Protein backbone atom coordinates (compact mmCIF):
# COMPACT_ATOMS: atom_id res chain seq x y z
CA UNK A 1 48.22 -20.78 -12.48
CA UNK A 2 44.52 -19.98 -12.80
CA UNK A 3 42.13 -22.31 -11.00
CA UNK A 4 38.60 -23.49 -11.71
CA UNK A 5 37.43 -21.16 -8.91
CA UNK A 6 38.42 -18.18 -11.03
CA UNK A 7 35.96 -19.33 -13.67
CA UNK A 8 33.17 -20.18 -11.21
CA UNK A 9 33.46 -16.83 -9.38
CA UNK A 10 33.72 -14.69 -12.52
CA UNK A 11 30.93 -12.10 -12.86
CA UNK A 12 30.05 -9.66 -15.62
CA UNK A 13 28.06 -7.47 -13.24
CA UNK A 14 29.21 -5.48 -10.26
CA UNK A 15 25.95 -6.20 -8.45
CA UNK A 16 26.26 -7.93 -5.12
CA UNK A 17 24.18 -10.69 -3.58
CA UNK A 18 21.67 -10.01 -0.81
CA UNK A 19 22.19 -10.80 2.85
CA UNK A 20 18.56 -11.58 3.67
CA UNK A 21 18.51 -14.94 5.49
CA UNK A 22 20.65 -14.19 8.52
CA UNK A 23 17.59 -13.85 10.80
CA UNK A 24 17.07 -17.61 10.61
CA UNK A 25 20.26 -18.05 12.66
CA UNK A 26 19.44 -15.16 14.96
CA UNK A 27 22.76 -13.35 14.43
CA UNK A 28 25.49 -12.59 11.91
CA UNK A 29 28.96 -11.01 12.18
CA UNK A 30 29.42 -8.28 9.58
CA UNK A 31 32.21 -6.10 8.26
CA UNK A 32 31.17 -2.80 6.72
CA UNK A 33 32.63 -1.81 3.35
CA UNK A 34 35.10 1.01 3.95
CA UNK A 35 33.71 3.23 1.18
CA UNK A 36 29.99 2.69 1.77
CA UNK A 37 28.01 4.41 4.47
CA UNK A 38 24.59 2.93 5.25
CA UNK A 39 21.93 4.72 3.19
CA UNK A 40 18.38 5.55 4.29
CA UNK A 41 15.98 4.25 1.63
CA UNK A 42 12.20 4.76 1.72
CA UNK A 43 10.27 1.90 0.16
CA UNK A 44 6.59 1.07 -0.36
CA UNK A 45 5.60 -2.43 0.70
CA UNK A 46 2.33 -4.24 0.17
CA UNK A 47 2.23 -3.94 -3.62
CA UNK A 48 3.51 -7.26 -5.00
CA UNK A 49 5.11 -8.15 -8.32
CA UNK A 50 3.36 -10.33 -10.89
CA UNK A 51 5.95 -12.03 -13.09
CA UNK A 52 5.86 -14.65 -15.81
CA UNK A 53 8.70 -17.18 -15.81
CA UNK A 54 9.50 -20.57 -17.26
CA UNK A 55 8.91 -23.57 -15.05
CA UNK A 56 12.19 -25.48 -14.68
CA UNK A 57 10.47 -28.88 -14.68
CA UNK A 58 7.80 -28.49 -17.39
CA UNK A 59 9.28 -25.67 -19.49
CA UNK A 60 5.87 -23.95 -19.52
CA UNK A 61 5.23 -20.29 -18.76
CA UNK A 62 3.81 -19.74 -15.27
CA UNK A 63 2.54 -16.56 -13.60
CA UNK A 64 3.92 -15.96 -10.11
CA UNK A 65 3.08 -13.38 -7.45
CA UNK A 66 6.10 -12.21 -5.48
CA UNK A 67 6.53 -9.85 -2.56
CA UNK A 68 7.49 -6.45 -3.94
CA UNK A 69 9.13 -3.26 -2.73
CA UNK A 70 8.86 0.02 -4.65
CA UNK A 71 11.30 2.87 -4.02
CA UNK A 72 9.33 6.01 -3.15
CA UNK A 73 9.57 9.19 -5.24
CA UNK A 74 8.81 11.52 -2.33
CA UNK A 75 11.30 13.63 -0.40
CA UNK A 76 12.35 12.52 3.06
CA UNK A 77 11.07 15.72 4.70
CA UNK A 78 7.54 14.85 3.53
CA UNK A 79 7.79 11.15 4.42
CA UNK A 80 8.93 11.87 7.97
CA UNK A 81 5.58 13.60 8.57
CA UNK A 82 3.31 11.28 6.59
CA UNK A 83 1.36 10.43 9.76
CA UNK A 84 0.79 14.06 10.79
CA UNK A 85 -2.75 15.24 9.98
CA UNK A 86 -4.82 18.39 10.32
CA UNK A 87 -8.08 18.54 12.29
CA UNK A 88 -9.92 18.12 8.99
CA UNK A 89 -8.10 14.81 8.34
CA UNK A 90 -5.75 16.01 5.59
CA UNK A 91 -2.00 15.44 5.72
CA UNK A 92 -0.08 18.40 7.08
CA UNK A 93 2.43 18.05 4.24
CA UNK A 94 0.74 16.29 1.30
CA UNK A 95 2.85 14.28 -1.17
CA UNK A 96 3.91 15.97 -4.41
CA UNK A 97 6.05 13.46 -6.32
CA UNK A 98 4.91 9.93 -5.43
CA UNK A 99 1.60 8.54 -6.78
CA UNK A 100 1.63 5.57 -4.37
CA UNK A 101 1.74 8.04 -1.48
CA UNK A 102 -1.24 9.83 -3.08
CA UNK A 103 -3.07 6.50 -3.55
CA UNK A 104 -2.60 5.43 0.06
CA UNK A 105 -3.76 8.82 1.33
CA UNK A 106 -6.80 8.78 -0.98
CA UNK A 107 -7.87 5.34 0.26
CA UNK A 108 -7.40 6.51 3.87
CA UNK A 109 -9.69 9.47 3.33
CA UNK A 110 -12.29 7.32 1.59
CA UNK A 111 -12.44 5.11 4.68
CA UNK A 112 -12.49 8.02 7.13
CA UNK A 113 -15.29 9.70 5.16
CA UNK A 114 -17.35 6.51 5.24
CA UNK A 115 -17.37 6.17 1.47
CA UNK A 116 -15.81 2.70 1.56
CA UNK A 117 -15.70 0.02 4.23
CA UNK A 118 -12.46 -0.27 6.18
CA UNK A 119 -12.08 -3.94 5.21
CA UNK A 120 -13.22 -3.65 1.58
CA UNK A 121 -10.87 -5.23 -1.01
CA UNK A 122 -9.21 -2.61 -3.23
CA UNK A 123 -6.70 -4.61 -5.30
CA UNK A 124 -6.29 -8.29 -6.15
CA UNK A 125 -3.18 -9.88 -7.66
CA UNK A 126 -3.47 -13.46 -8.90
CA UNK A 127 -1.05 -16.03 -10.28
CA UNK A 128 -1.39 -19.62 -11.44
CA UNK A 129 -1.06 -20.80 -7.85
CA UNK A 130 -4.07 -19.76 -5.75
CA UNK A 131 -1.90 -19.79 -2.63
CA UNK A 132 0.06 -16.82 -4.00
CA UNK A 133 -3.03 -14.61 -4.47
CA UNK A 134 -2.62 -11.23 -2.75
CA UNK A 135 -5.60 -9.03 -1.86
CA UNK A 136 -5.07 -5.49 -0.58
CA UNK A 137 -7.85 -4.26 1.69
CA UNK A 138 -8.55 -0.57 2.26
CA UNK A 139 -7.67 -0.30 5.95
CA UNK A 140 -4.45 -2.33 5.98
CA UNK A 141 -3.09 -0.24 3.11
CA UNK A 142 -2.64 2.75 5.45
CA UNK A 143 -3.13 1.51 9.02
CA UNK A 144 -0.28 1.64 11.52
CA UNK A 145 0.50 -0.76 14.34
CA UNK A 146 -1.19 1.56 16.85
CA UNK A 147 -4.37 1.67 14.76
CA UNK A 148 -4.64 -2.11 15.03
CA UNK A 149 -4.06 -1.95 18.77
CA UNK A 150 -6.96 0.54 19.09
CA UNK A 151 -9.49 -1.72 17.30
CA UNK A 152 -12.39 -2.91 19.44
CA UNK A 153 -13.72 -6.47 19.45
CA UNK A 154 -16.42 -5.77 16.85
CA UNK A 155 -13.90 -4.27 14.42
CA UNK A 156 -11.55 -7.22 14.91
CA UNK A 157 -14.41 -9.61 14.14
CA UNK A 158 -15.29 -7.61 11.02
CA UNK A 159 -11.66 -7.75 9.91
CA UNK A 160 -11.50 -11.51 10.43
CA UNK A 161 -14.76 -11.96 8.53
CA UNK A 162 -13.25 -10.03 5.60
CA UNK A 163 -10.16 -12.25 5.63
CA UNK A 164 -7.84 -9.74 7.33
CA UNK A 165 -5.81 -11.15 10.20
CA UNK A 166 -4.00 -8.68 12.42
CA UNK A 167 -0.80 -10.72 12.70
CA UNK A 168 -0.43 -10.83 8.89
CA UNK A 169 -1.85 -7.39 8.08
CA UNK A 170 1.65 -5.89 7.82
CA UNK A 171 1.94 -7.63 4.45
CA UNK A 172 -0.67 -5.21 3.03
CA UNK A 173 0.87 -1.99 4.38
CA UNK A 174 1.54 0.30 1.40
CA UNK A 175 2.77 3.52 2.97
CA UNK A 176 6.50 4.23 2.66
CA UNK A 177 8.75 2.74 5.31
CA UNK A 178 12.38 3.57 5.93
CA UNK A 179 15.13 0.93 5.72
CA UNK A 180 18.88 1.24 5.94
CA UNK A 181 20.83 -0.19 3.01
CA UNK A 182 24.11 -1.77 4.16
CA UNK A 183 26.97 -3.19 2.09
CA UNK A 184 28.73 -5.71 4.27
CA UNK A 185 30.73 -8.94 4.29
CA UNK A 186 29.50 -11.93 6.28
CA UNK A 187 32.44 -13.02 8.46
CA UNK A 188 31.42 -16.69 8.16
CA UNK A 189 30.97 -16.58 4.38
CA UNK A 190 33.49 -14.26 2.75
CA UNK A 191 33.10 -16.31 -0.45
CA UNK A 192 29.74 -14.55 -0.95
CA UNK A 193 31.58 -11.25 -1.40
CA UNK A 194 30.22 -7.86 -0.42
CA UNK A 195 26.47 -8.28 0.07
CA UNK A 196 23.59 -5.82 0.07
CA UNK A 197 21.24 -5.80 3.05
CA UNK A 198 18.02 -3.83 3.59
CA UNK A 199 17.48 -3.69 7.34
CA UNK A 200 14.83 -2.01 9.53
CA UNK A 201 15.37 1.34 11.14
CA UNK A 202 15.68 -0.22 14.60
CA UNK A 203 18.77 -2.20 13.54
CA UNK A 204 20.27 0.89 11.95
CA UNK A 205 19.76 2.84 15.18
CA UNK A 206 21.42 0.06 17.15
CA UNK A 207 24.43 0.09 14.79
CA UNK A 208 24.65 3.87 15.31
CA UNK A 209 24.89 3.33 19.06
CA UNK A 210 27.69 0.80 18.60
CA UNK A 211 29.72 3.23 16.48
CA UNK A 212 29.04 6.17 18.82
CA UNK A 213 30.08 4.18 21.89
CA UNK A 214 33.25 2.93 20.22
CA UNK A 215 34.20 6.43 19.08
CA UNK A 216 33.84 7.66 22.65
CA UNK A 217 35.92 4.83 24.09
CA UNK A 218 38.50 4.42 21.30
CA UNK A 219 38.60 7.90 19.78
CA UNK A 220 36.89 9.51 16.79
CA UNK A 221 39.09 7.91 14.14
CA UNK A 222 39.80 4.64 15.91
CA UNK A 223 36.07 4.06 16.46
CA UNK A 224 35.19 4.79 12.83
CA UNK A 225 34.55 1.43 11.05
CA UNK A 226 35.32 3.01 7.68
CA UNK A 227 38.80 4.11 8.80
CA UNK A 228 39.57 1.27 11.20
CA UNK A 229 37.34 -1.70 10.36
CA UNK A 230 35.91 -3.84 13.16
CA UNK A 231 33.29 -6.55 13.32
CA UNK A 232 29.71 -5.63 14.26
CA UNK A 233 27.30 -8.41 15.15
CA UNK A 234 23.66 -8.09 14.16
CA UNK A 235 21.17 -9.87 16.39
CA UNK A 236 17.52 -10.73 15.79
CA UNK A 237 15.33 -11.69 18.75
CA UNK A 238 12.31 -13.40 17.23
CA UNK A 239 10.39 -13.91 20.49
CA UNK A 240 10.82 -10.34 21.71
CA UNK A 241 7.26 -8.88 22.02
CA UNK A 242 8.47 -5.28 21.71
CA UNK A 243 9.17 -4.72 18.01
CA UNK A 244 11.64 -1.92 18.78
CA UNK A 245 13.79 -4.39 20.76
CA UNK A 246 13.82 -7.23 18.24
CA UNK A 247 17.05 -5.99 16.65
CA UNK A 248 20.32 -5.35 18.46
CA UNK A 249 23.97 -4.77 17.50
CA UNK A 250 27.29 -4.91 19.31
CA UNK A 251 30.99 -4.72 18.47
CA UNK A 252 32.91 -8.03 18.53
CA UNK A 253 36.36 -7.04 19.76
CA UNK A 254 37.91 -10.51 19.49
CA UNK A 255 37.03 -11.03 15.82
CA UNK A 256 40.16 -10.55 13.71
CA UNK A 257 40.12 -9.12 10.19
CA UNK A 258 41.14 -11.88 7.78
CA UNK A 259 43.08 -11.15 4.55
CA UNK A 260 40.13 -12.36 2.45
CA UNK A 261 37.66 -10.02 4.13
CA UNK A 262 40.16 -7.15 4.11
CA UNK A 263 40.48 -7.46 0.34
CA UNK A 264 36.70 -7.33 -0.01
CA UNK A 265 35.94 -4.34 2.21
CA UNK A 266 38.73 -2.31 0.56
CA UNK A 267 37.87 -3.53 -2.92
CA UNK A 268 35.13 -2.51 -5.38
CA UNK A 269 31.72 -1.86 -3.86
CA UNK A 270 28.60 -3.55 -5.32
CA UNK A 271 26.38 -1.49 -7.61
CA UNK A 272 23.16 -0.38 -5.90
CA UNK A 273 21.76 1.88 -8.63
CA UNK A 274 18.85 -0.48 -9.24
CA UNK A 275 18.16 -0.84 -5.52
CA UNK A 276 17.66 2.90 -4.95
CA UNK A 277 15.98 3.83 -8.25
CA UNK A 278 12.33 4.95 -7.84
CA UNK A 279 9.68 2.92 -9.64
CA UNK A 280 8.49 3.78 -13.16
CA UNK A 281 5.32 5.83 -12.74
CA UNK A 282 3.69 4.90 -16.07
CA UNK A 283 4.29 1.18 -15.58
CA UNK A 284 3.01 1.34 -12.00
CA UNK A 285 -0.22 3.04 -13.06
CA UNK A 286 -0.94 0.44 -15.76
CA UNK A 287 -0.16 -2.35 -13.28
CA UNK A 288 -2.45 -0.98 -10.55
CA UNK A 289 -5.31 -0.18 -12.93
CA UNK A 290 -5.22 -3.75 -14.20
CA UNK A 291 -5.66 -5.19 -10.70
CA UNK A 292 -8.01 -2.61 -9.13
CA UNK A 293 -11.35 -3.80 -7.74
CA UNK A 294 -12.89 -0.36 -7.19
CA UNK A 295 -13.14 2.79 -9.28
CA UNK A 296 -10.36 5.25 -8.49
CA UNK A 297 -9.53 8.73 -9.86
CA UNK A 298 -6.33 7.65 -11.59
CA UNK A 299 -5.68 11.01 -13.26
CA UNK A 300 -5.81 12.80 -9.92
CA UNK A 301 -3.73 10.18 -8.09
CA UNK A 302 -1.01 10.08 -10.74
CA UNK A 303 -1.03 13.82 -11.41
CA UNK A 304 2.24 14.46 -9.56
CA UNK A 305 5.23 16.65 -10.13
CA UNK A 306 8.37 15.28 -11.73
CA UNK A 307 11.80 15.79 -10.22
CA UNK A 308 13.54 15.24 -13.56
CA UNK A 309 14.81 18.40 -15.36
CA UNK A 310 12.59 19.46 -18.23
CA UNK A 311 15.65 20.27 -20.29
CA UNK A 312 16.66 16.61 -20.37
CA UNK A 313 13.20 15.57 -21.51
CA UNK A 314 13.27 18.09 -24.35
CA UNK A 315 16.75 16.97 -25.39
CA UNK A 316 15.55 13.38 -25.72
CA UNK A 317 12.71 14.46 -28.01
CA UNK A 318 14.78 16.67 -30.31
CA UNK A 319 15.66 15.20 -33.69
CA UNK A 320 18.68 15.69 -35.91
CA UNK A 321 18.52 19.30 -37.25
CA UNK A 322 19.88 18.14 -40.61
CA UNK A 323 17.11 15.60 -41.00
CA UNK A 324 14.11 17.01 -42.86
CA UNK A 325 10.67 15.47 -42.68
CA UNK A 326 7.54 16.28 -44.70
CA UNK A 327 4.99 18.35 -42.84
CA UNK A 328 1.57 16.73 -42.98
CA UNK A 329 -1.61 18.71 -42.65
CA UNK A 330 -3.71 17.52 -39.75
CA UNK A 331 -7.42 17.88 -39.22
CA UNK A 332 -8.04 20.31 -36.36
CA UNK A 333 -9.33 18.64 -33.24
CA UNK A 334 -12.72 19.79 -31.97
CA UNK A 335 -12.61 21.99 -28.92
CA UNK A 336 -13.48 20.09 -25.77
CA UNK A 337 -14.63 21.89 -22.70
CA UNK A 338 -12.22 20.94 -19.94
CA UNK A 339 -13.66 19.68 -16.70
CA UNK A 340 -13.17 22.02 -13.74
CA UNK A 341 -10.01 21.29 -11.78
CA UNK A 342 -10.88 20.19 -8.30
CA UNK A 343 -9.34 18.40 -5.34
CA UNK A 344 -10.15 14.72 -4.70
CA UNK A 345 -12.40 15.68 -1.77
CA UNK A 346 -14.79 18.67 -1.60
CA UNK A 347 -13.62 19.70 1.88
CA UNK A 348 -10.21 20.47 0.34
CA UNK A 349 -11.60 22.63 -2.47
CA UNK A 350 -12.84 26.08 -1.48
CA UNK A 351 -13.70 27.04 -5.04
CA UNK A 352 -15.90 24.13 -6.13
CA UNK A 353 -17.35 22.97 -2.80
CA UNK A 354 -20.39 24.07 -0.78
CA UNK A 355 -22.08 22.97 2.42
CA UNK A 356 -25.25 20.88 2.31
CA UNK A 357 -28.28 22.84 3.59
CA UNK A 358 -29.54 19.76 5.41
CA UNK A 359 -26.49 18.11 7.06
CA UNK A 360 -23.99 21.01 6.53
CA UNK A 361 -21.28 18.64 5.28
CA UNK A 362 -19.11 19.43 2.25
CA UNK A 363 -20.37 18.53 -1.24
CA UNK A 364 -19.59 19.63 -4.80
CA UNK A 365 -21.41 22.70 -6.11
CA UNK A 366 -22.79 20.70 -9.06
CA UNK A 367 -24.03 17.71 -7.04
CA UNK A 368 -27.77 17.07 -7.21
CA UNK A 369 -27.68 14.58 -4.33
CA UNK A 370 -25.72 15.05 -1.10
CA UNK A 371 -23.33 12.06 -0.68
CA UNK A 372 -23.78 12.20 3.11
CA UNK A 373 -27.53 12.59 3.81
CA UNK A 374 -29.06 12.01 0.32
CA UNK A 375 -30.66 15.45 0.28
CA UNK A 376 -31.84 16.27 -3.29
CA UNK A 377 -31.29 19.54 -5.19
CA UNK A 378 -32.39 20.98 -8.49
CA UNK A 379 -29.86 21.71 -11.24
CA UNK A 380 -29.71 25.36 -10.13
CA UNK A 381 -29.04 24.39 -6.50
CA UNK A 382 -32.47 24.60 -4.83
CA UNK A 383 -33.17 22.14 -2.04
CA UNK A 384 -36.08 19.82 -2.89
CA UNK A 385 -38.54 18.79 -0.19
CA UNK A 386 -38.28 15.31 1.17
CA UNK A 387 -40.45 12.79 -0.63
CA UNK A 388 -43.39 11.62 1.48
CA UNK A 389 -43.10 8.10 2.67
CA UNK A 390 -45.41 5.68 0.82
CA UNK A 391 -48.40 4.48 2.88
CA UNK A 392 -47.73 1.32 4.74
CA UNK A 393 -49.60 -1.79 3.65
CA UNK A 394 -52.00 -3.24 6.20
CA UNK A 395 -50.68 -6.32 7.93
CA UNK A 396 -51.49 -9.59 6.21
CA UNK A 397 -54.42 -11.45 7.68
CA UNK A 398 -53.78 -14.62 9.63
CA UNK A 399 -54.97 -17.99 8.37
CA UNK A 400 -57.53 -18.45 11.11
CA UNK A 401 -58.73 -14.85 10.74
CA UNK A 402 -59.59 -15.48 7.09
CA UNK A 403 -61.76 -18.46 8.01
CA UNK A 404 -63.56 -16.46 10.71
CA UNK A 405 -64.30 -13.62 8.27
CA UNK A 406 -65.58 -16.11 5.69
CA UNK A 407 -67.92 -17.64 8.23
CA UNK A 408 -69.15 -14.20 9.29
CA UNK A 409 -69.96 -13.24 5.70
CA UNK A 410 -72.48 -16.10 5.30
CA UNK A 411 -75.53 -15.81 7.63
CA UNK A 412 -76.65 -19.06 9.30
CA UNK A 413 -79.58 -20.88 7.76
CA UNK A 414 -82.81 -20.32 9.63
CA UNK A 415 -84.36 -23.77 9.45
CA UNK A 416 -87.44 -22.70 11.30
CA UNK A 417 -88.38 -19.94 8.90
CA UNK A 418 -88.02 -22.20 5.88
CA UNK A 419 -91.12 -24.18 6.70
CA UNK A 420 -89.27 -27.49 6.74
CA UNK A 421 -88.69 -29.81 9.60
CA UNK A 422 -85.02 -30.39 10.70
CA UNK A 423 -85.36 -34.13 10.05
CA UNK A 424 -86.15 -33.47 6.40
CA UNK A 425 -82.89 -31.54 5.65
CA UNK A 426 -80.19 -33.27 3.54
CA UNK A 427 -77.47 -32.86 6.18
């Protein structure tokens, strides 16, 4: 006989819930789905989501700012070396597919070139609640933990003055970080079904050690949790100062596999297609342009390669061959001289860059003012002489000095030469 629980637990979607609050308890016992290996997923943090939803109490539309994660378009080989740079400051392997990677790298090079302050605000995302406002500053968008550790006292004061606090700066980090996506069952709450969990790399590495150790002690097949399921406990040590040691995992030998959990880990796996799908590039550009506080070369940043086959794009655009449409004559568009293609920075462009004759730093061959030393050039590239400094104004006279000069300008009255006696004068 069907029960009311069958109705309450019925779902039209194969998507699973998220196991994202276990750190509050400090640990959780998990059972890995037997058909789902953990997956390495690279995600961009820092960039929030601005959503409009209906308030449950008032029924009015409210704008909210939520923490967001955007799946990166770049290949893992490139992302593994995103913090490797040449002596000139460029990335050893620059990004090709992901515009957020290009954006973060562009902001980094602006700061390193001194063209923008390290703590300058770059983006601002606002909702109806001022407490949810998110501001992305230039430095935190690309800085690593070690970069914060290397800041001197003056830089830390400047960061604090700009509203950037080191302990919360991780919220503004926009470069791609790697997480492991697990599909597991919580031993204490099997009623939640198979849940999806994005966990840091350090926890994933600890789970690897558990599996490797068990395979050595129990055998290759016996130690494989996909072939012979066993419980793995995840631990979170909040007060651990070393971030790499905050997460730990171990096998719980005494935990028995219940029939309810067995049915779940051998049953259908939750759909994760939405969780691993890269962000929409056109929508992301419009979103970032709307909230930008500084001028950015959007066409250069979003001029990336696509990993989608061109044949599929052409197939979507093709119409029914039997359908005939009238051909309309169109006015020819005037020819527009295309701007020269150049790299975002002159030091990366050998064709369109030259060295300044005064400071010898890289500048564009059509610049009339050097961006580094303000040296001026004519339109044909001749260096103009420095303008002479205007003559300095003489210092302003003091109040007492003015009185003394006024007294000196008027000669004293010679009473004796006037022919009058001093007693006859009116003063």
